[in-house]
Amino acid sequence: MKHHSESTCSHLRHLRRLLGITVLACAAMSVRAFAADAPAKAVSSCVACHTDSEKLKAEAAKVPAPLASALQAGKG
């Protein structure tokens, strides 16, 4: 037979868990709603320029290849 205080503790523990789950669920829904409401930012011209793969390949082709690495040249 349970004492009255054990039963009360069990109910309080259950209510605390339920409250915690509810708080976490509400927080997750509010974050998801906030992310959905945020407008998509336009890509700036700097980002577009620095991530253009064709332009990066053309720039990389202009860079001369080193004759030897510092390790191969005895400097490493």
PDB file of N, CA and C in Angstrom:
ATOM      1  N   MET A   1       0.831  -1.175   0.000  1.00  0.00           N
ATOM      2  CA  MET A   1       0.000   0.000   0.000  1.00  0.00           C
ATOM      3  C   MET A   1       0.881   1.245   0.000  1.00  0.00           C
ATOM      4  N   LYS A   2       0.580   2.186  -0.896  1.00  0.00           N
ATOM      5  CA  LYS A   2       1.373   3.409  -0.991  1.00  0.00           C
ATOM      6  C   LYS A   2       0.921   4.425   0.040  1.00  0.00           C
ATOM      7  N   HIS A   3       1.887   5.169   0.497  1.00  0.00           N
ATOM      8  CA  HIS A   3       1.547   6.276   1.363  1.00  0.00           C
ATOM      9  C   HIS A   3       1.044   7.421   0.500  1.00  0.00           C
ATOM     10  N   HIS A   4       0.344   8.305   1.094  1.00  0.00           N
ATOM     11  CA  HIS A   4      -0.204   9.451   0.363  1.00  0.00           C
ATOM     12  C   HIS A   4       0.909  10.303  -0.239  1.00  0.00           C
ATOM     13  N   SER A   5       2.034  10.450   0.463  1.00  0.00           N
ATOM     14  CA  SER A   5       3.124  11.301  -0.021  1.00  0.00           C
ATOM     15  C   SER A   5       3.815  10.691  -1.241  1.00  0.00           C
ATOM     16  N   GLU A   6       3.933   9.376  -1.331  1.00  0.00           N
ATOM     17  CA  GLU A   6       4.541   8.736  -2.492  1.00  0.00           C
ATOM     18  C   GLU A   6       3.686   8.944  -3.736  1.00  0.00           C
ATOM     19  N   SER A   7       2.390   8.850  -3.566  1.00  0.00           N
ATOM     20  CA  SER A   7       1.468   9.060  -4.672  1.00  0.00           C
ATOM     21  C   SER A   7       1.548  10.502  -5.176  1.00  0.00           C
ATOM     22  N   THR A   8       1.645  11.433  -4.262  1.00  0.00           N
ATOM     23  CA  THR A   8       1.743  12.848  -4.620  1.00  0.00           C
ATOM     24  C   THR A   8       3.036  13.121  -5.372  1.00  0.00           C
ATOM     25  N   CYS A   9       4.129  12.533  -4.910  1.00  0.00           N
ATOM     26  CA  CYS A   9       5.420  12.711  -5.587  1.00  0.00           C
ATOM     27  C   CYS A   9       5.373  12.141  -6.993  1.00  0.00           C
ATOM     28  N   SER A  10       4.723  11.012  -7.154  1.00  0.00           N
ATOM     29  CA  SER A  10       4.596  10.391  -8.469  1.00  0.00           C
ATOM     30  C   SER A  10       3.810  11.289  -9.416  1.00  0.00           C
ATOM     31  N   HIS A  11       2.736  11.861  -8.918  1.00  0.00           N
ATOM     32  CA  HIS A  11       1.933  12.757  -9.745  1.00  0.00           C
ATOM     33  C   HIS A  11       2.708  14.026 -10.092  1.00  0.00           C
ATOM     34  N   LEU A  12       3.433  14.560  -9.130  1.00  0.00           N
ATOM     35  CA  LEU A  12       4.225  15.760  -9.398  1.00  0.00           C
ATOM     36  C   LEU A  12       5.317  15.481 -10.426  1.00  0.00           C
ATOM     37  N   ARG A  13       5.957  14.325 -10.316  1.00  0.00           N
ATOM     38  CA  ARG A  13       6.999  13.954 -11.276  1.00  0.00           C
ATOM     39  C   ARG A  13       6.400  13.844 -12.683  1.00  0.00           C
ATOM     40  N   HIS A  14       5.228  13.238 -12.767  1.00  0.00           N
ATOM     41  CA  HIS A  14       4.543  13.095 -14.057  1.00  0.00           C
ATOM     42  C   HIS A  14       4.184  14.470 -14.629  1.00  0.00           C
ATOM     43  N   LEU A  15       3.675  15.348 -13.790  1.00  0.00           N
ATOM     44  CA  LEU A  15       3.305  16.687 -14.246  1.00  0.00           C
ATOM     45  C   LEU A  15       4.530  17.492 -14.688  1.00  0.00           C
ATOM     46  N   ARG A  16       5.638  17.355 -13.977  1.00  0.00           N
ATOM     47  CA  ARG A  16       6.869  18.053 -14.372  1.00  0.00           C
ATOM     48  C   ARG A  16       7.369  17.575 -15.727  1.00  0.00           C
ATOM     49  N   ARG A  17       7.328  16.260 -15.943  1.00  0.00           N
ATOM     50  CA  ARG A  17       7.742  15.721 -17.244  1.00  0.00           C
ATOM     51  C   ARG A  17       6.849  16.238 -18.355  1.00  0.00           C
ATOM     52  N   LEU A  18       5.546  16.229 -18.095  1.00  0.00           N
ATOM     53  CA  LEU A  18       4.590  16.707 -19.084  1.00  0.00           C
ATOM     54  C   LEU A  18       4.811  18.188 -19.382  1.00  0.00           C
ATOM     55  N   LEU A  19       5.071  18.965 -18.356  1.00  0.00           N
ATOM     56  CA  LEU A  19       5.344  20.383 -18.528  1.00  0.00           C
ATOM     57  C   LEU A  19       6.628  20.591 -19.335  1.00  0.00           C
ATOM     58  N   GLY A  20       7.670  19.832 -19.034  1.00  0.00           N
ATOM     59  CA  GLY A  20       8.926  19.946 -19.767  1.00  0.00           C
ATOM     60  C   GLY A  20       8.768  19.595 -21.235  1.00  0.00           C
ATOM     61  N   ILE A  21       8.040  18.535 -21.514  1.00  0.00           N
ATOM     62  CA  ILE A  21       7.794  18.129 -22.900  1.00  0.00           C
ATOM     63  C   ILE A  21       7.002  19.211 -23.631  1.00  0.00           C
ATOM     64  N   THR A  22       6.023  19.778 -22.956  1.00  0.00           N
ATOM     65  CA  THR A  22       5.206  20.828 -23.562  1.00  0.00           C
ATOM     66  C   THR A  22       6.047  22.061 -23.876  1.00  0.00           C
ATOM     67  N   VAL A  23       6.905  22.459 -22.955  1.00  0.00           N
ATOM     68  CA  VAL A  23       7.772  23.621 -23.169  1.00  0.00           C
ATOM     69  C   VAL A  23       8.704  23.375 -24.354  1.00  0.00           C
ATOM     70  N   LEU A  24       9.305  22.198 -24.423  1.00  0.00           N
ATOM     71  CA  LEU A  24      10.205  21.887 -25.540  1.00  0.00           C
ATOM     72  C   LEU A  24       9.465  21.858 -26.870  1.00  0.00           C
ATOM     73  N   ALA A  25       8.270  21.310 -26.884  1.00  0.00           N
ATOM     74  CA  ALA A  25       7.481  21.262 -28.116  1.00  0.00           C
ATOM     75  C   ALA A  25       7.111  22.672 -28.579  1.00  0.00           C
ATOM     76  N   CYS A  26       6.714  23.515 -27.650  1.00  0.00           N
ATOM     77  CA  CYS A  26       6.365  24.896 -28.004  1.00  0.00           C
ATOM     78  C   CYS A  26       7.579  25.660 -28.520  1.00  0.00           C
ATOM     79  N   ALA A  27       8.726  25.443 -27.899  1.00  0.00           N
ATOM     80  CA  ALA A  27       9.947  26.107 -28.349  1.00  0.00           C
ATOM     81  C   ALA A  27      10.319  25.654 -29.758  1.00  0.00           C
ATOM     82  N   ALA A  28      10.202  24.364 -30.019  1.00  0.00           N
ATOM     83  CA  ALA A  28      10.531  23.846 -31.351  1.00  0.00           C
ATOM     84  C   ALA A  28       9.584  24.410 -32.401  1.00  0.00           C
ATOM     85  N   MET A  29       8.311  24.502 -32.078  1.00  0.00           N
ATOM     86  CA  MET A  29       7.346  25.047 -33.041  1.00  0.00           C
ATOM     87  C   MET A  29       7.578  26.532 -33.290  1.00  0.00           C
ATOM     88  N   SER A  30       7.933  27.281 -32.256  1.00  0.00           N
ATOM     89  CA  SER A  30       8.155  28.712 -32.444  1.00  0.00           C
ATOM     90  C   SER A  30       9.411  28.970 -33.268  1.00  0.00           C
ATOM     91  N   VAL A  31      10.445  28.162 -33.080  1.00  0.00           N
ATOM     92  CA  VAL A  31      11.662  28.312 -33.885  1.00  0.00           C
ATOM     93  C   VAL A  31      11.362  27.987 -35.334  1.00  0.00           C
ATOM     94  N   ARG A  32      10.611  26.927 -35.555  1.00  0.00           N
ATOM     95  CA  ARG A  32      10.261  26.538 -36.922  1.00  0.00           C
ATOM     96  C   ARG A  32       9.411  27.623 -37.575  1.00  0.00           C
ATOM     97  N   ALA A  33       8.469  28.213 -36.847  1.00  0.00           N
ATOM     98  CA  ALA A  33       7.616  29.265 -37.396  1.00  0.00           C
ATOM     99  C   ALA A  33       8.433  30.509 -37.693  1.00  0.00           C
ATOM    100  N   PHE A  34       9.386  30.840 -36.828  1.00  0.00           N
ATOM    101  CA  PHE A  34      10.239  32.011 -37.047  1.00  0.00           C
ATOM    102  C   PHE A  34      11.101  31.817 -38.282  1.00  0.00           C
ATOM    103  N   ALA A  35      11.652  30.632 -38.462  1.00  0.00           N
ATOM    104  CA  ALA A  35      12.490  30.359 -39.623  1.00  0.00           C
ATOM    105  C   ALA A  35      11.674  30.411 -40.905  1.00  0.00           C
ATOM    106  N   ALA A  36      10.424  29.988 -40.857  1.00  0.00           N
ATOM    107  CA  ALA A  36       9.576  30.012 -42.047  1.00  0.00           C
ATOM    108  C   ALA A  36       9.181  31.439 -42.407  1.00  0.00           C
ATOM    109  N   ASP A  37       9.055  32.309 -41.411  1.00  0.00           N
ATOM    110  CA  ASP A  37       8.662  33.694 -41.669  1.00  0.00           C
ATOM    111  C   ASP A  37       9.809  34.562 -42.158  1.00  0.00           C
ATOM    112  N   ALA A  38      11.044  34.167 -41.893  1.00  0.00           N
ATOM    113  CA  ALA A  38      12.189  34.978 -42.278  1.00  0.00           C
ATOM    114  C   ALA A  38      12.330  34.993 -43.800  1.00  0.00           C
ATOM    115  N   PRO A  39      12.412  36.178 -44.396  1.00  0.00           N
ATOM    116  CA  PRO A  39      12.557  36.230 -45.851  1.00  0.00           C
ATOM    117  C   PRO A  39      13.956  35.788 -46.270  1.00  0.00           C
ATOM    118  N   ALA A  40      14.032  35.185 -47.429  1.00  0.00           N
ATOM    119  CA  ALA A  40      15.329  34.741 -47.946  1.00  0.00           C
ATOM    120  C   ALA A  40      16.136  35.970 -48.355  1.00  0.00           C
ATOM    121  N   LYS A  41      17.394  36.011 -47.929  1.00  0.00           N
ATOM    122  CA  LYS A  41      18.252  37.144 -48.265  1.00  0.00           C
ATOM    123  C   LYS A  41      18.780  36.977 -49.680  1.00  0.00           C
ATOM    124  N   ALA A  42      18.875  38.070 -50.369  1.00  0.00           N
ATOM    125  CA  ALA A  42      19.438  38.048 -51.711  1.00  0.00           C
ATOM    126  C   ALA A  42      20.949  37.871 -51.618  1.00  0.00           C
ATOM    127  N   VAL A  43      21.502  37.174 -52.573  1.00  0.00           N
ATOM    128  CA  VAL A  43      22.950  36.956 -52.599  1.00  0.00           C
ATOM    129  C   VAL A  43      23.614  38.252 -53.011  1.00  0.00           C
ATOM    130  N   SER A  44      24.574  38.697 -52.227  1.00  0.00           N
ATOM    131  CA  SER A  44      25.264  39.933 -52.559  1.00  0.00           C
ATOM    132  C   SER A  44      26.202  39.705 -53.742  1.00  0.00           C
ATOM    133  N   SER A  45      26.605  40.786 -54.371  1.00  0.00           N
ATOM    134  CA  SER A  45      27.488  40.669 -55.528  1.00  0.00           C
ATOM    135  C   SER A  45      28.850  40.122 -55.115  1.00  0.00           C
ATOM    136  N   CYS A  46      29.289  40.412 -53.895  1.00  0.00           N
ATOM    137  CA  CYS A  46      30.584  39.892 -53.426  1.00  0.00           C
ATOM    138  C   CYS A  46      30.542  38.370 -53.305  1.00  0.00           C
ATOM    139  N   VAL A  47      29.458  37.873 -52.715  1.00  0.00           N
ATOM    140  CA  VAL A  47      29.331  36.427 -52.547  1.00  0.00           C
ATOM    141  C   VAL A  47      29.231  35.763 -53.908  1.00  0.00           C
ATOM    142  N   ALA A  48      28.451  36.345 -54.801  1.00  0.00           N
ATOM    143  CA  ALA A  48      28.302  35.779 -56.137  1.00  0.00           C
ATOM    144  C   ALA A  48      29.644  35.743 -56.866  1.00  0.00           C
ATOM    145  N   CYS A  49      30.427  36.779 -56.730  1.00  0.00           N
ATOM    146  CA  CYS A  49      31.730  36.850 -57.417  1.00  0.00           C
ATOM    147  C   CYS A  49      32.720  35.840 -56.839  1.00  0.00           C
ATOM    148  N   HIS A  50      32.756  35.740 -55.517  1.00  0.00           N
ATOM    149  CA  HIS A  50      33.737  34.870 -54.866  1.00  0.00           C
ATOM    150  C   HIS A  50      33.361  33.393 -54.902  1.00  0.00           C
ATOM    151  N   THR A  51      32.143  33.072 -55.317  1.00  0.00           N
ATOM    152  CA  THR A  51      31.741  31.672 -55.406  1.00  0.00           C
ATOM    153  C   THR A  51      31.464  31.231 -56.838  1.00  0.00           C
ATOM    154  N   ASP A  52      31.739  32.090 -57.818  1.00  0.00           N
ATOM    155  CA  ASP A  52      31.538  31.743 -59.230  1.00  0.00           C
ATOM    156  C   ASP A  52      32.641  30.777 -59.649  1.00  0.00           C
ATOM    157  N   SER A  53      32.284  29.510 -59.857  1.00  0.00           N
ATOM    158  CA  SER A  53      33.299  28.485 -60.129  1.00  0.00           C
ATOM    159  C   SER A  53      34.037  28.725 -61.433  1.00  0.00           C
ATOM    160  N   GLU A  54      33.363  29.221 -62.458  1.00  0.00           N
ATOM    161  CA  GLU A  54      34.033  29.481 -63.740  1.00  0.00           C
ATOM    162  C   GLU A  54      35.064  30.594 -63.594  1.00  0.00           C
ATOM    163  N   LYS A  55      34.704  31.650 -62.873  1.00  0.00           N
ATOM    164  CA  LYS A  55      35.645  32.751 -62.667  1.00  0.00           C
ATOM    165  C   LYS A  55      36.833  32.285 -61.824  1.00  0.00           C
ATOM    166  N   LEU A  56      36.560  31.454 -60.814  1.00  0.00           N
ATOM    167  CA  LEU A  56      37.649  30.950 -59.972  1.00  0.00           C
ATOM    168  C   LEU A  56      38.606  30.069 -60.770  1.00  0.00           C
ATOM    169  N   LYS A  57      38.074  29.255 -61.672  1.00  0.00           N
ATOM    170  CA  LYS A  57      38.941  28.426 -62.519  1.00  0.00           C
ATOM    171  C   LYS A  57      39.812  29.286 -63.423  1.00  0.00           C
ATOM    172  N   ALA A  58      39.236  30.359 -63.994  1.00  0.00           N
ATOM    173  CA  ALA A  58      39.995  31.260 -64.866  1.00  0.00           C
ATOM    174  C   ALA A  58      41.096  31.962 -64.075  1.00  0.00           C
ATOM    175  N   GLU A  59      40.783  32.398 -62.850  1.00  0.00           N
ATOM    176  CA  GLU A  59      41.789  33.060 -62.006  1.00  0.00           C
ATOM    177  C   GLU A  59      42.885  32.082 -61.599  1.00  0.00           C
ATOM    178  N   ALA A  60      42.526  30.850 -61.297  1.00  0.00           N
ATOM    179  CA  ALA A  60      43.515  29.850 -60.883  1.00  0.00           C
ATOM    180  C   ALA A  60      44.451  29.505 -62.032  1.00  0.00           C
ATOM    181  N   ALA A  61      43.953  29.571 -63.262  1.00  0.00           N
ATOM    182  CA  ALA A  61      44.802  29.270 -64.415  1.00  0.00           C
ATOM    183  C   ALA A  61      45.888  30.322 -64.601  1.00  0.00           C
ATOM    184  N   LYS A  62      45.654  31.541 -64.130  1.00  0.00           N
ATOM    185  CA  LYS A  62      46.632  32.633 -64.254  1.00  0.00           C
ATOM    186  C   LYS A  62      47.766  32.522 -63.237  1.00  0.00           C
ATOM    187  N   VAL A  63      47.559  31.810 -62.155  1.00  0.00           N
ATOM    188  CA  VAL A  63      48.569  31.708 -61.094  1.00  0.00           C
ATOM    189  C   VAL A  63      49.643  30.719 -61.529  1.00  0.00           C
ATOM    190  N   PRO A  64      50.917  31.157 -61.548  1.00  0.00           N
ATOM    191  CA  PRO A  64      51.978  30.236 -61.967  1.00  0.00           C
ATOM    192  C   PRO A  64      52.203  29.137 -60.930  1.00  0.00           C
ATOM    193  N   ALA A  65      52.523  27.958 -61.412  1.00  0.00           N
ATOM    194  CA  ALA A  65      52.790  26.833 -60.518  1.00  0.00           C
ATOM    195  C   ALA A  65      54.173  27.009 -59.894  1.00  0.00           C
ATOM    196  N   PRO A  66      54.332  26.726 -58.622  1.00  0.00           N
ATOM    197  CA  PRO A  66      55.641  26.852 -57.987  1.00  0.00           C
ATOM    198  C   PRO A  66      56.602  25.787 -58.537  1.00  0.00           C
ATOM    199  N   LEU A  67      57.877  26.143 -58.590  1.00  0.00           N
ATOM    200  CA  LEU A  67      58.876  25.215 -59.097  1.00  0.00           C
ATOM    201  C   LEU A  67      59.066  24.046 -58.138  1.00  0.00           C
ATOM    202  N   ALA A  68      59.081  24.339 -56.854  1.00  0.00           N
ATOM    203  CA  ALA A  68      59.235  23.301 -55.860  1.00  0.00           C
ATOM    204  C   ALA A  68      58.619  23.795 -54.553  1.00  0.00           C
ATOM    205  N   SER A  69      58.164  22.872 -53.743  1.00  0.00           N
ATOM    206  CA  SER A  69      57.633  23.277 -52.455  1.00  0.00           C
ATOM    207  C   SER A  69      58.772  23.597 -51.507  1.00  0.00           C
ATOM    208  N   ALA A  70      58.462  24.225 -50.404  1.00  0.00           N
ATOM    209  CA  ALA A  70      59.488  24.570 -49.424  1.00  0.00           C
ATOM    210  C   ALA A  70      60.162  23.308 -48.892  1.00  0.00           C
ATOM    211  N   LEU A  71      59.431  22.231 -48.771  1.00  0.00           N
ATOM    212  CA  LEU A  71      59.990  20.975 -48.274  1.00  0.00           C
ATOM    213  C   LEU A  71      60.962  20.403 -49.296  1.00  0.00           C
ATOM    214  N   GLN A  72      60.603  20.426 -50.600  1.00  0.00           N
ATOM    215  CA  GLN A  72      61.463  19.896 -51.637  1.00  0.00           C
ATOM    216  C   GLN A  72      62.698  20.774 -51.839  1.00  0.00           C
ATOM    217  N   ALA A  73      62.582  22.066 -51.568  1.00  0.00           N
ATOM    218  CA  ALA A  73      63.693  22.972 -51.767  1.00  0.00           C
ATOM    219  C   ALA A  73      64.652  22.959 -50.576  1.00  0.00           C
ATOM    220  N   GLY A  74      64.366  22.173 -49.565  1.00  0.00           N
ATOM    221  CA  GLY A  74      65.239  22.107 -48.401  1.00  0.00           C
ATOM    222  C   GLY A  74      64.964  23.187 -47.392  1.00  0.00           C
ATOM    223  N   LYS A  75      63.891  23.905 -47.507  1.00  0.00           N
ATOM    224  CA  LYS A  75      63.574  24.999 -46.605  1.00  0.00           C
ATOM    225  C   LYS A  75      62.506  24.598 -45.582  1.00  0.00           C
ATOM    226  N   GLY A  76      62.057  23.341 -45.584  1.00  0.00           N
ATOM    227  CA  GLY A  76      60.974  22.940 -44.705  1.00  0.00           C
ATOM    228  C   GLY A  76      61.377  22.111 -43.557  1.00  0.00           C
TER     229      GLY A  76
END
